[in-house]
Amino acid sequence: MNSDAHHELATTEVDDNLLEVITRGLPNLRKSERRVAETLLADPSSVLSITLAELARRSDVSEPTVIRFALAIGCEGFRDLRVKLARSLAFARTTSHSAISKTDDLSALIGKVFDFNLSNLNWVRARLDQQTIQQAVDALRQANRIEFFGYGASGVVALDAQQKFPLFGVPCGAPLDGHQMIMTAAMLQPGDVAVAISNTGETEQVRQATRLARERGATTIGITGTQSPLLEDCDIGVLVETLENTDLYTPTVSRLSAMVVIDILSTAVSLARDESDQTRFAEMKAVLARTRASNRDTEDE
C-alpha cells in the first residue's frame, strides 16, 4: 500500500461520522488493519463493550495492529476510537444506518431521509475550508456583477443564489441554457465574478462558461463536490464534499449542501456590507412585508 495514502487517511478529521470515515478509508488500509475495520463494521455496537485484546482476537491480528488501525483513521488510540464510535452510533449519522429499502414504512423513510441529510451536512461542515470561504466572500463582496453558472440540479442552486445576492444591490444572473452561459460569460470583465456550481465538476457547459469568464478577466469561483476538473478553471475553489452516491433510493444531498454553502456566502457578504447597505436591506425587507400584508388583505375581501 502507498505510504502517502496511509498518512492521508491518518490525518483525516474524525467527527460523528467515524463509521463513514472507516468505510471510505478501507482501500487505503493495510491488509491487517482492514481486518480490524471489517470486524468493527460488521458489529460496531459490540466494539463499545470489548477490550483491545478482544478486538484483536476477533480480527485475528495483534494488539499493536489495532492501535495502528485507530491511528490510521484519525483516533488517538483505542479509547478514543470507542468514544468516537459511540458518538457516531448515538447520532445515527452513517450512510449504512440511512440506507432506504422498499420494505421501509413511511415513518422509517422519514427518519432515514432526515438522518442521512443531517449526517451529510455534518460531514460537509467538518470539511469546509474556512480560508477558501473567506476568499470567496471577499471576491463576492467587491463584485460589480455576479453570474451563477449551473446545469441540471446545480442550476437549481444557481437560481437560489441569484435570488439572494441581488439584495445587496449587485446585478446578478443565473443563465441555465448552455448558449446563454457562453454569451453571459463573454460579456464579463475585470471586477465581475462568475460562480460555477457543479457537484461532479465535469459539466462541460459550466466549464466552458467558466473558462471564458476567466479569460475576460472576471474572478471565477467554483463550488464542487470533489477535486474535480472545474477547479482548474477557477481562481477560488470551494470544495463541498458530500456523502452523495448513485443508489436508487438515496436522497440528493449535494444540492442541499451547495445551497447551505450559498447561504453561508450570502450571509457573510451581507454582514461585511457597510451600515448604509444594511439600512437599505432592512428597508427592502419592510417593503416586502407590507406587500405581503396588502396581498393578504386583498385575498380576504
Protein backbone atom coordinates (compact mmCIF):
# COMPACT_ATOMS: atom_id res chain seq x y z
CA MET A 1 0.00 0.00 0.00
CA ASN A 2 1.16 3.54 -0.72
CA SER A 3 2.59 5.05 2.49
CA ASP A 4 1.43 8.54 1.47
CA ALA A 5 -2.14 7.28 1.11
CA HIS A 6 -1.93 5.74 4.58
CA HIS A 7 -0.67 9.02 6.05
CA GLU A 8 -3.50 10.90 4.34
CA LEU A 9 -6.05 8.61 5.97
CA ALA A 10 -4.37 9.05 9.34
CA THR A 11 -4.79 12.80 9.19
CA THR A 12 -8.47 12.68 8.20
CA GLU A 13 -10.62 14.73 10.56
CA VAL A 14 -12.93 12.43 12.51
CA ASP A 15 -16.32 13.60 13.72
CA ASP A 16 -19.70 11.96 14.32
CA ASN A 17 -19.24 10.03 11.05
CA LEU A 18 -16.50 7.66 12.21
CA LEU A 19 -18.12 4.66 10.51
CA GLU A 20 -18.24 6.59 7.25
CA VAL A 21 -14.58 7.53 7.66
CA ILE A 22 -13.71 3.85 8.12
CA THR A 23 -15.82 2.75 5.15
CA ARG A 24 -14.27 5.31 2.84
CA GLY A 25 -10.79 4.58 4.08
CA LEU A 26 -10.86 0.79 3.61
CA PRO A 27 -8.90 0.81 0.32
CA ASN A 28 -6.06 2.77 1.96
CA LEU A 29 -5.63 0.49 4.97
CA ARG A 30 -3.00 -2.19 5.29
CA LYS A 31 -4.34 -5.73 4.93
CA SER A 32 -4.14 -6.46 8.67
CA GLU A 33 -5.75 -3.12 9.57
CA ARG A 34 -8.51 -3.81 7.07
CA ARG A 35 -9.38 -6.96 9.03
CA VAL A 36 -9.91 -4.79 12.12
CA ALA A 37 -12.06 -2.39 10.11
CA GLU A 38 -14.20 -5.20 8.74
CA THR A 39 -14.69 -6.69 12.21
CA LEU A 40 -15.74 -3.29 13.56
CA LEU A 41 -18.10 -2.54 10.67
CA ALA A 42 -19.73 -5.97 10.94
CA ASP A 43 -20.88 -5.28 14.52
CA PRO A 44 -19.91 -1.76 15.65
CA SER A 45 -22.08 -1.78 18.76
CA SER A 46 -20.24 -4.73 20.25
CA VAL A 47 -16.88 -2.94 19.99
CA LEU A 48 -18.09 -0.47 22.60
CA SER A 49 -18.08 -3.17 25.27
CA ILE A 50 -14.97 -5.22 24.45
CA THR A 51 -11.30 -4.76 25.24
CA LEU A 52 -8.49 -4.00 22.84
CA ALA A 53 -7.30 -7.59 23.26
CA GLU A 54 -10.73 -8.98 22.38
CA LEU A 55 -10.99 -6.84 19.21
CA ALA A 56 -7.53 -8.06 18.21
CA ARG A 57 -8.58 -11.67 18.79
CA ARG A 58 -11.80 -11.28 16.77
CA SER A 59 -9.85 -9.68 13.94
CA ASP A 60 -7.05 -12.27 14.06
CA VAL A 61 -4.40 -9.57 14.42
CA SER A 62 -2.04 -8.34 17.11
CA GLU A 63 -2.93 -5.65 19.64
CA PRO A 64 -0.40 -3.19 18.13
CA THR A 65 -2.23 -3.62 14.81
CA VAL A 66 -5.47 -2.47 16.44
CA ILE A 67 -3.64 0.60 17.77
CA ARG A 68 -2.20 1.30 14.30
CA PHE A 69 -5.70 0.99 12.86
CA ALA A 70 -7.04 3.51 15.38
CA LEU A 71 -4.28 5.97 14.48
CA ALA A 72 -4.85 5.37 10.75
CA ILE A 73 -8.47 6.53 10.99
CA GLY A 74 -7.55 9.66 12.94
CA CYS A 75 -8.12 8.49 16.52
CA GLU A 76 -5.60 8.97 19.33
CA GLY A 77 -5.85 5.37 20.45
CA PHE A 78 -8.29 2.56 21.23
CA ARG A 79 -10.12 4.50 23.95
CA ASP A 80 -10.57 7.50 21.64
CA LEU A 81 -11.80 5.15 18.91
CA ARG A 82 -14.53 3.82 21.21
CA VAL A 83 -15.60 7.34 22.23
CA LYS A 84 -15.93 8.47 18.62
CA LEU A 85 -17.64 5.21 17.67
CA ALA A 86 -20.18 5.69 20.46
CA ARG A 87 -20.88 9.22 19.24
CA SER A 88 -21.34 8.00 15.69
CA LEU A 89 -23.79 5.31 16.75
CA ALA A 90 -25.65 7.62 19.14
CA PHE A 91 -26.45 10.16 16.46
CA ALA A 92 -27.09 7.53 13.77
CA ARG A 93 -25.08 9.57 11.29
CA THR A 94 -23.86 6.97 8.85
CA THR A 95 -24.98 6.05 5.39
CA SER A 96 -25.35 2.42 6.42
CA HIS A 97 -27.97 3.40 9.00
CA SER A 98 -29.79 5.57 6.45
CA ALA A 99 -29.97 3.15 3.53
CA ILE A 100 -33.52 3.16 2.20
CA SER A 101 -35.25 -0.03 1.10
CA LYS A 102 -38.64 -0.96 -0.35
CA THR A 103 -39.59 -2.58 2.94
CA ASP A 104 -39.42 0.73 4.86
CA ASP A 105 -42.73 2.17 6.02
CA LEU A 106 -43.34 5.92 5.86
CA SER A 107 -42.11 6.50 9.41
CA ALA A 108 -38.82 4.72 8.71
CA LEU A 109 -38.45 6.55 5.41
CA ILE A 110 -38.88 9.96 7.06
CA GLY A 111 -36.35 9.09 9.74
CA LYS A 112 -33.76 7.80 7.30
CA VAL A 113 -34.02 10.76 4.95
CA PHE A 114 -33.55 13.16 7.87
CA ASP A 115 -30.70 11.09 9.33
CA PHE A 116 -28.91 10.95 6.00
CA ASN A 117 -29.21 14.65 5.30
CA LEU A 118 -28.19 15.67 8.84
CA SER A 119 -25.24 13.31 8.65
CA ASN A 120 -24.25 14.74 5.29
CA LEU A 121 -24.43 18.36 6.45
CA ASN A 122 -22.30 17.48 9.46
CA TRP A 123 -19.80 15.85 7.11
CA VAL A 124 -19.71 18.93 4.84
CA ARG A 125 -19.34 21.30 7.78
CA ALA A 126 -16.32 19.44 9.14
CA ARG A 127 -14.55 19.63 5.79
CA LEU A 128 -15.26 23.16 4.61
CA ASP A 129 -12.06 25.17 4.26
CA GLN A 130 -12.74 28.46 6.04
CA GLN A 131 -9.86 30.23 4.34
CA THR A 132 -11.31 29.42 0.92
CA ILE A 133 -14.77 30.52 2.05
CA GLN A 134 -13.26 33.83 3.19
CA GLN A 135 -11.60 34.31 -0.19
CA ALA A 136 -14.94 33.73 -1.92
CA VAL A 137 -16.70 36.17 0.43
CA ASP A 138 -14.08 38.85 -0.25
CA ALA A 139 -14.45 38.43 -4.01
CA LEU A 140 -18.26 38.49 -3.90
CA ARG A 141 -18.35 41.49 -1.56
CA GLN A 142 -16.32 43.56 -4.03
CA ALA A 143 -18.02 42.31 -7.21
CA ASN A 144 -19.58 44.75 -9.66
CA ARG A 145 -21.67 41.94 -11.12
CA ILE A 146 -22.18 38.27 -10.25
CA GLU A 147 -23.19 35.45 -12.60
CA PHE A 148 -24.01 31.95 -11.35
CA PHE A 149 -23.45 29.05 -13.74
CA GLY A 150 -25.13 25.72 -13.00
CA TYR A 151 -26.68 22.96 -15.09
CA GLY A 152 -29.37 20.44 -14.14
CA ALA A 153 -29.61 20.02 -10.36
CA SER A 154 -26.83 22.59 -9.95
CA GLY A 155 -28.95 25.01 -11.96
CA VAL A 156 -31.46 24.95 -9.11
CA VAL A 157 -28.66 26.04 -6.76
CA ALA A 158 -27.67 28.80 -9.19
CA LEU A 159 -31.24 30.12 -9.24
CA ASP A 160 -31.36 30.05 -5.44
CA ALA A 161 -28.14 32.07 -5.32
CA GLN A 162 -29.45 34.50 -7.93
CA GLN A 163 -32.39 35.28 -5.64
CA LYS A 164 -30.16 36.08 -2.65
CA PHE A 165 -27.31 38.20 -3.95
CA PRO A 166 -29.29 40.96 -5.75
CA LEU A 167 -30.44 42.02 -2.29
CA PHE A 168 -27.02 43.65 -1.90
CA GLY A 169 -27.55 45.97 -4.86
CA VAL A 170 -25.33 43.99 -7.23
CA PRO A 171 -26.68 42.85 -10.63
CA CYS A 172 -26.90 39.05 -10.67
CA GLY A 173 -27.84 36.42 -13.21
CA ALA A 174 -28.20 32.67 -13.47
CA PRO A 175 -28.44 31.57 -17.12
CA LEU A 176 -29.40 27.90 -17.32
CA ASP A 177 -29.00 27.31 -21.05
CA GLY A 178 -25.51 26.43 -22.26
CA HIS A 179 -25.53 29.04 -25.01
CA GLN A 180 -26.76 31.71 -22.61
CA MET A 181 -23.94 30.84 -20.23
CA ILE A 182 -21.38 31.35 -23.00
CA MET A 183 -22.92 34.66 -24.09
CA THR A 184 -23.08 35.88 -20.50
CA ALA A 185 -19.50 34.82 -19.77
CA ALA A 186 -18.30 36.65 -22.90
CA MET A 187 -19.73 39.92 -21.55
CA LEU A 188 -17.98 39.72 -18.18
CA GLN A 189 -14.98 41.88 -17.37
CA PRO A 190 -12.50 42.60 -14.56
CA GLY A 191 -14.37 43.38 -11.35
CA ASP A 192 -17.11 40.85 -12.13
CA VAL A 193 -17.41 37.41 -10.51
CA ALA A 194 -18.55 34.13 -12.07
CA VAL A 195 -19.64 31.39 -9.65
CA ALA A 196 -19.60 27.93 -11.24
CA ILE A 197 -21.63 25.23 -9.48
CA SER A 198 -21.18 21.55 -10.34
CA ASN A 199 -21.08 18.63 -7.92
CA THR A 200 -19.08 16.46 -10.33
CA GLY A 201 -17.12 19.41 -11.69
CA GLU A 202 -17.24 17.81 -15.13
CA THR A 203 -20.26 19.51 -16.73
CA GLU A 204 -18.77 20.86 -19.95
CA GLN A 205 -21.27 23.73 -20.42
CA VAL A 206 -20.37 25.08 -16.98
CA ARG A 207 -16.64 24.59 -17.53
CA GLN A 208 -16.69 26.35 -20.90
CA ALA A 209 -18.51 29.36 -19.48
CA THR A 210 -16.16 29.49 -16.50
CA ARG A 211 -13.03 29.35 -18.65
CA LEU A 212 -14.39 32.13 -20.88
CA ALA A 213 -15.30 34.30 -17.89
CA ARG A 214 -11.77 33.90 -16.57
CA GLU A 215 -10.30 34.81 -19.95
CA ARG A 216 -12.38 38.01 -19.89
CA GLY A 217 -10.80 38.99 -16.57
CA ALA A 218 -13.63 38.02 -14.20
CA THR A 219 -12.83 36.31 -10.90
CA THR A 220 -14.04 32.72 -11.02
CA ILE A 221 -15.30 30.76 -8.01
CA GLY A 222 -16.01 27.03 -8.24
CA ILE A 223 -18.36 25.14 -5.91
CA THR A 224 -17.87 21.42 -6.44
CA GLY A 225 -18.12 18.14 -4.57
CA THR A 226 -14.67 16.75 -5.28
CA GLN A 227 -11.19 17.59 -6.51
CA SER A 228 -12.68 17.98 -9.96
CA PRO A 229 -11.60 19.44 -13.33
CA LEU A 230 -13.74 22.51 -12.61
CA LEU A 231 -11.20 23.66 -10.03
CA GLU A 232 -8.64 24.04 -12.81
CA ASP A 233 -10.85 26.77 -14.32
CA CYS A 234 -11.33 28.72 -11.09
CA ASP A 235 -9.37 31.28 -9.12
CA ILE A 236 -11.11 30.14 -5.92
CA GLY A 237 -12.26 26.57 -5.39
CA VAL A 238 -14.83 25.77 -2.69
CA LEU A 239 -14.86 22.03 -2.05
CA VAL A 240 -18.24 20.79 -0.75
CA GLU A 241 -17.59 17.09 -0.16
CA THR A 242 -20.79 15.14 0.47
CA LEU A 243 -21.89 11.58 1.20
CA GLU A 244 -23.68 11.51 -2.17
CA ASN A 245 -23.89 8.26 -4.08
CA THR A 246 -25.90 6.95 -7.00
CA ASP A 247 -28.03 4.33 -5.23
CA LEU A 248 -31.61 4.30 -6.47
CA TYR A 249 -33.26 5.42 -3.23
CA THR A 250 -30.54 7.75 -1.93
CA PRO A 251 -31.70 11.35 -1.24
CA THR A 252 -29.95 14.01 -3.31
CA VAL A 253 -27.73 15.71 -0.77
CA SER A 254 -25.27 17.54 -2.98
CA ARG A 255 -27.87 20.14 -3.96
CA LEU A 256 -28.85 20.77 -0.33
CA SER A 257 -25.20 21.06 0.69
CA ALA A 258 -24.42 23.55 -2.07
CA MET A 259 -27.46 25.63 -1.08
CA VAL A 260 -26.23 25.77 2.52
CA VAL A 261 -22.83 26.97 1.30
CA ILE A 262 -24.60 29.64 -0.79
CA ASP A 263 -26.43 30.70 2.39
CA ILE A 264 -23.10 30.95 4.21
CA LEU A 265 -21.60 33.06 1.44
CA SER A 266 -24.60 35.38 1.11
CA THR A 267 -24.90 35.86 4.87
CA ALA A 268 -21.17 36.56 5.23
CA VAL A 269 -21.32 39.08 2.36
CA SER A 270 -24.32 40.74 3.99
CA LEU A 271 -22.51 41.10 7.33
CA ALA A 272 -19.46 42.54 5.57
CA ARG A 273 -21.50 45.35 3.98
CA ASP A 274 -21.36 48.83 5.47
CA GLU A 275 -24.17 50.38 7.53
CA SER A 276 -25.82 52.12 4.57
CA ASP A 277 -26.20 48.80 2.76
CA GLN A 278 -27.64 47.23 5.90
CA THR A 279 -30.18 50.07 6.16
CA ARG A 280 -31.15 49.69 2.52
CA PHE A 281 -31.56 45.94 3.01
CA ALA A 282 -33.81 46.46 6.06
CA GLU A 283 -35.95 48.95 4.11
CA MET A 284 -36.36 46.44 1.30
CA LYS A 285 -37.49 43.75 3.76
CA ALA A 286 -40.01 46.19 5.22
CA VAL A 287 -41.44 46.90 1.74
CA LEU A 288 -41.78 43.17 1.11
CA ALA A 289 -43.56 42.71 4.45
CA ARG A 290 -46.05 45.49 3.62
CA THR A 291 -46.63 43.97 0.17
CA ARG A 292 -47.40 40.58 1.65
CA ALA A 293 -49.80 42.14 4.16
CA SER A 294 -51.54 44.07 1.38
CA ASN A 295 -51.91 40.91 -0.71
CA ARG A 296 -53.45 39.03 2.23
CA ASP A 297 -55.94 41.85 2.81
CA THR A 298 -56.93 41.75 -0.87
CA GLU A 299 -57.42 37.98 -0.76
CA ASP A 300 -59.65 38.28 2.30
CA GLU A 301 -62.03 40.70 0.62
